Amino acid sequence: TMPALNRRDFLRTGALAAGLGSIARLRPLPVQAALPAAGLQVLDADQADLLAAIAERMVFSGDPAMPAVRATGAIAVVDRSLQYVDDGLRQQVGWLLWLFD
């Protein structure tokens, strides 16, 4: 069973979701292409794919000059960022992705 979200956790999760929209608009740096992929640390492959699909839907502008979310490395940034949040928030992100799935 999932425990109920309190108001503070709900707002924190909403802020994280809003941040994803901003991160998704980042353009890839040429240096990133030369770096080896470190792999996912917090999200699993299915969660990362789902998060990428959600972010792509949120930030789609129709502008062909804008790179796709998957091309920006934004999901890897979110994954690395999730290493530094408390376990409760990490678990809530997993629940939210499960709900979207």
Protein backbone atom coordinates (compact mmCIF):
# COMPACT_ATOMS: atom_id res chain seq x y z
CA THR A 1 0.00 0.00 0.00
CA MET A 2 1.13 3.53 -0.72
CA PRO A 3 1.09 6.01 2.13
CA ALA A 4 -0.82 9.22 1.47
CA LEU A 5 1.13 12.24 0.25
CA ASN A 6 1.05 15.17 2.61
CA ARG A 7 0.84 18.74 1.33
CA ARG A 8 4.57 19.45 1.70
CA ASP A 9 5.59 16.31 -0.19
CA PHE A 10 3.02 17.04 -2.88
CA LEU A 11 4.37 20.57 -3.37
CA ARG A 12 7.96 19.32 -3.38
CA THR A 13 7.08 16.74 -6.03
CA GLY A 14 5.28 19.40 -8.07
CA ALA A 15 8.37 21.61 -7.92
CA LEU A 16 10.50 18.70 -9.12
CA ALA A 17 8.10 18.13 -12.02
CA ALA A 18 8.24 21.81 -12.95
CA GLY A 19 12.02 21.64 -12.85
CA LEU A 20 11.95 18.76 -15.30
CA GLY A 21 10.33 21.00 -17.88
CA SER A 22 13.16 23.50 -17.51
CA ILE A 23 15.87 20.87 -17.62
CA ALA A 24 14.36 19.30 -20.71
CA ARG A 25 14.94 22.50 -22.68
CA LEU A 26 18.72 22.31 -22.20
CA ARG A 27 20.71 21.88 -25.35
CA PRO A 28 23.33 19.13 -25.45
CA LEU A 29 26.92 20.23 -25.06
CA PRO A 30 29.52 18.88 -27.48
CA VAL A 31 31.57 17.70 -24.51
CA GLN A 32 28.73 15.45 -23.39
CA ALA A 33 28.98 13.43 -26.57
CA ALA A 34 32.60 12.57 -25.78
CA LEU A 35 31.92 11.47 -22.21
CA PRO A 36 31.15 7.81 -21.53
CA ALA A 37 27.65 7.09 -20.32
CA ALA A 38 27.70 6.48 -16.59
CA GLY A 39 24.38 4.68 -16.69
CA LEU A 40 21.38 5.26 -14.53
CA GLN A 41 21.96 5.45 -10.80
CA VAL A 42 18.43 5.86 -9.37
CA LEU A 43 15.91 5.33 -12.17
CA ASP A 44 15.62 2.03 -13.98
CA ALA A 45 15.47 1.90 -17.78
CA ASP A 46 11.66 1.73 -17.88
CA GLN A 47 11.31 4.71 -15.52
CA ALA A 48 13.82 6.71 -17.57
CA ASP A 49 11.94 5.97 -20.81
CA LEU A 50 8.65 6.95 -19.22
CA LEU A 51 10.12 10.14 -17.76
CA ALA A 52 11.57 11.04 -21.17
CA ALA A 53 8.18 10.50 -22.82
CA ILE A 54 6.47 12.69 -20.20
CA ALA A 55 9.07 15.44 -20.54
CA GLU A 56 8.90 15.33 -24.34
CA ARG A 57 5.14 15.77 -24.17
CA MET A 58 5.45 18.64 -21.67
CA VAL A 59 8.00 20.67 -23.60
CA PHE A 60 7.08 19.87 -27.22
CA SER A 61 6.96 23.14 -29.10
CA GLY A 62 6.83 21.94 -32.69
CA ASP A 63 10.05 23.84 -33.38
CA PRO A 64 12.36 21.52 -35.36
CA ALA A 65 15.38 23.44 -34.03
CA MET A 66 14.64 22.23 -30.50
CA PRO A 67 16.36 18.93 -29.71
CA ALA A 68 14.40 15.99 -28.39
CA VAL A 69 14.56 15.46 -24.64
CA ARG A 70 16.39 12.18 -25.15
CA ALA A 71 19.09 14.03 -27.11
CA THR A 72 19.76 16.54 -24.33
CA GLY A 73 20.81 14.21 -21.55
CA ALA A 74 18.12 15.78 -19.34
CA ILE A 75 17.00 12.41 -18.01
CA ALA A 76 20.55 11.61 -16.92
CA VAL A 77 20.66 14.97 -15.11
CA VAL A 78 17.39 14.18 -13.33
CA ASP A 79 18.69 10.72 -12.45
CA ARG A 80 21.91 12.16 -10.99
CA SER A 81 19.90 14.82 -9.12
CA LEU A 82 17.72 12.16 -7.53
CA GLN A 83 20.83 10.75 -5.84
CA TYR A 84 20.90 13.81 -3.58
CA VAL A 85 17.29 13.90 -2.43
CA ASP A 86 15.92 11.98 0.53
CA ASP A 87 14.60 8.47 0.10
CA GLY A 88 11.00 9.57 0.62
CA LEU A 89 11.06 11.93 -2.35
CA ARG A 90 12.87 9.35 -4.48
CA GLN A 91 10.13 6.86 -3.63
CA GLN A 92 7.42 9.40 -4.51
CA VAL A 93 9.00 10.00 -7.92
CA GLY A 94 8.84 6.25 -8.49
CA TRP A 95 5.16 6.24 -7.49
CA LEU A 96 4.37 9.14 -9.80
CA LEU A 97 6.04 7.38 -12.71
CA TRP A 98 4.15 4.22 -11.82
CA LEU A 99 0.89 6.19 -11.89
CA PHE A 100 1.67 7.56 -15.35
CA ASP A 101 2.52 4.11 -16.60
